[in-house]
Amino acid sequence: LRAVRKQALADASQHKSAWGEHRWLYPAAGLAALCLLVVLVGWPWWGPETTQDTLLAAQDMDIMMAQDDLELYSNLEFYRWLDRTHAS
């Protein structure tokens, strides 16, 4: 029985498991998973910010695509002045 036990222990020490030889992969795999998680969670906040110029360009596109009379928009400053004058 002792001889069988010694032989089994000798075989076990010589035979390494598939993961035993590559234990250094555990921290590397964990770091890779963490980096992937950070990228996936942070991606929406890294996009381009909407600026005032972008919003104005969108409004200009709305004006150009509208079927309204464009003469109203050519006198827009006058109508704004008129609104401010009568609001006081």
C-alpha atoms as a PDB file:
ATOM      1  CA  LEU A   1       0.000   0.000   0.000  1.00  0.00           C
ATOM      2  CA  ARG A   2       2.893   2.346   0.840  1.00  0.00           C
ATOM      3  CA  ALA A   3       4.578   1.603  -2.461  1.00  0.00           C
ATOM      4  CA  VAL A   4       1.383   2.438  -4.377  1.00  0.00           C
ATOM      5  CA  ARG A   5       1.032   5.668  -2.374  1.00  0.00           C
ATOM      6  CA  LYS A   6       4.633   6.691  -3.075  1.00  0.00           C
ATOM      7  CA  GLN A   7       4.193   5.921  -6.747  1.00  0.00           C
ATOM      8  CA  ALA A   8       0.991   7.989  -6.904  1.00  0.00           C
ATOM      9  CA  LEU A   9       2.683  10.940  -5.178  1.00  0.00           C
ATOM     10  CA  ALA A  10       5.675  10.672  -7.501  1.00  0.00           C
ATOM     11  CA  ASP A  11       3.424  10.593 -10.545  1.00  0.00           C
ATOM     12  CA  ALA A  12       1.430  13.576  -9.238  1.00  0.00           C
ATOM     13  CA  SER A  13       4.546  15.674  -8.695  1.00  0.00           C
ATOM     14  CA  GLN A  14       5.832  14.902 -12.190  1.00  0.00           C
ATOM     15  CA  HIS A  15       2.504  15.448 -13.912  1.00  0.00           C
ATOM     16  CA  LYS A  16       1.403  19.068 -13.787  1.00  0.00           C
ATOM     17  CA  SER A  17      -2.104  20.114 -14.579  1.00  0.00           C
ATOM     18  CA  ALA A  18      -2.822  22.186 -17.673  1.00  0.00           C
ATOM     19  CA  TRP A  19      -3.539  25.279 -15.577  1.00  0.00           C
ATOM     20  CA  GLY A  20      -0.703  24.691 -13.164  1.00  0.00           C
ATOM     21  CA  GLU A  21       1.910  25.509 -15.773  1.00  0.00           C
ATOM     22  CA  HIS A  22       0.175  28.729 -16.726  1.00  0.00           C
ATOM     23  CA  ARG A  23      -0.670  30.265 -13.366  1.00  0.00           C
ATOM     24  CA  TRP A  24       0.658  33.618 -14.589  1.00  0.00           C
ATOM     25  CA  LEU A  25      -2.358  33.775 -16.930  1.00  0.00           C
ATOM     26  CA  TYR A  26      -4.808  34.285 -14.055  1.00  0.00           C
ATOM     27  CA  PRO A  27      -3.762  37.877 -13.245  1.00  0.00           C
ATOM     28  CA  ALA A  28      -3.368  38.690 -16.956  1.00  0.00           C
ATOM     29  CA  ALA A  29      -6.863  37.384 -17.722  1.00  0.00           C
ATOM     30  CA  GLY A  30      -8.278  39.316 -14.776  1.00  0.00           C
ATOM     31  CA  LEU A  31      -6.596  42.524 -15.952  1.00  0.00           C
ATOM     32  CA  ALA A  32      -7.878  42.024 -19.494  1.00  0.00           C
ATOM     33  CA  ALA A  33     -11.423  41.469 -18.205  1.00  0.00           C
ATOM     34  CA  LEU A  34     -11.199  44.601 -16.047  1.00  0.00           C
ATOM     35  CA  CYS A  35      -9.983  46.689 -18.989  1.00  0.00           C
ATOM     36  CA  LEU A  36     -12.813  45.400 -21.149  1.00  0.00           C
ATOM     37  CA  LEU A  37     -15.333  46.250 -18.446  1.00  0.00           C
ATOM     38  CA  VAL A  38     -13.960  49.794 -18.100  1.00  0.00           C
ATOM     39  CA  VAL A  39     -14.152  50.346 -21.852  1.00  0.00           C
ATOM     40  CA  LEU A  40     -17.692  49.004 -22.132  1.00  0.00           C
ATOM     41  CA  VAL A  41     -18.987  51.010 -19.185  1.00  0.00           C
ATOM     42  CA  GLY A  42     -17.124  54.212 -20.053  1.00  0.00           C
ATOM     43  CA  TRP A  43     -17.771  54.253 -23.789  1.00  0.00           C
ATOM     44  CA  PRO A  44     -20.937  56.449 -23.736  1.00  0.00           C
ATOM     45  CA  TRP A  45     -19.141  59.218 -21.835  1.00  0.00           C
ATOM     46  CA  TRP A  46     -16.163  59.338 -24.201  1.00  0.00           C
ATOM     47  CA  GLY A  47     -18.172  60.378 -27.231  1.00  0.00           C
ATOM     48  CA  PRO A  48     -18.176  63.879 -28.698  1.00  0.00           C
ATOM     49  CA  GLU A  49     -19.932  66.469 -26.620  1.00  0.00           C
ATOM     50  CA  THR A  50     -22.853  68.401 -28.035  1.00  0.00           C
ATOM     51  CA  THR A  51     -21.853  72.023 -28.297  1.00  0.00           C
ATOM     52  CA  GLN A  52     -23.876  75.163 -28.853  1.00  0.00           C
ATOM     53  CA  ASP A  53     -22.634  75.261 -32.457  1.00  0.00           C
ATOM     54  CA  THR A  54     -23.991  71.766 -33.046  1.00  0.00           C
ATOM     55  CA  LEU A  55     -27.376  72.771 -31.686  1.00  0.00           C
ATOM     56  CA  LEU A  56     -27.449  75.916 -33.827  1.00  0.00           C
ATOM     57  CA  ALA A  57     -26.537  73.904 -36.908  1.00  0.00           C
ATOM     58  CA  ALA A  58     -29.410  71.532 -36.163  1.00  0.00           C
ATOM     59  CA  GLN A  59     -31.781  74.482 -35.848  1.00  0.00           C
ATOM     60  CA  ASP A  60     -30.499  75.900 -39.141  1.00  0.00           C
ATOM     61  CA  MET A  61     -31.195  72.550 -40.808  1.00  0.00           C
ATOM     62  CA  ASP A  62     -34.729  72.617 -39.403  1.00  0.00           C
ATOM     63  CA  ILE A  63     -35.241  76.077 -40.898  1.00  0.00           C
ATOM     64  CA  MET A  64     -33.874  75.064 -44.297  1.00  0.00           C
ATOM     65  CA  MET A  65     -35.948  71.874 -44.398  1.00  0.00           C
ATOM     66  CA  ALA A  66     -39.157  73.609 -43.350  1.00  0.00           C
ATOM     67  CA  GLN A  67     -41.797  74.402 -45.932  1.00  0.00           C
ATOM     68  CA  ASP A  68     -42.470  77.783 -44.304  1.00  0.00           C
ATOM     69  CA  ASP A  69     -42.007  81.132 -45.952  1.00  0.00           C
ATOM     70  CA  LEU A  70     -38.293  81.953 -45.710  1.00  0.00           C
ATOM     71  CA  GLU A  71     -38.999  85.708 -45.704  1.00  0.00           C
ATOM     72  CA  LEU A  72     -40.014  85.396 -42.059  1.00  0.00           C
ATOM     73  CA  TYR A  73     -36.560  84.081 -41.197  1.00  0.00           C
ATOM     74  CA  SER A  74     -34.783  86.841 -43.123  1.00  0.00           C
ATOM     75  CA  ASN A  75     -36.434  89.402 -40.820  1.00  0.00           C
ATOM     76  CA  LEU A  76     -35.958  87.359 -37.663  1.00  0.00           C
ATOM     77  CA  GLU A  77     -33.888  90.009 -35.872  1.00  0.00           C
ATOM     78  CA  PHE A  78     -36.639  92.565 -36.454  1.00  0.00           C
ATOM     79  CA  TYR A  79     -39.255  90.246 -34.979  1.00  0.00           C
ATOM     80  CA  ARG A  80     -37.050  89.585 -31.947  1.00  0.00           C
ATOM     81  CA  TRP A  81     -36.577  93.332 -31.438  1.00  0.00           C
ATOM     82  CA  LEU A  82     -40.297  93.866 -31.812  1.00  0.00           C
ATOM     83  CA  ASP A  83     -41.011  91.166 -29.232  1.00  0.00           C
ATOM     84  CA  ARG A  84     -38.529  92.682 -26.730  1.00  0.00           C
ATOM     85  CA  THR A  85     -39.922  96.170 -27.264  1.00  0.00           C
ATOM     86  CA  HIS A  86     -43.537  95.191 -26.677  1.00  0.00           C
ATOM     87  CA  ALA A  87     -42.724  92.848 -23.798  1.00  0.00           C
ATOM     88  CA  SER A  88     -41.442  95.783 -21.682  1.00  0.00           C
END
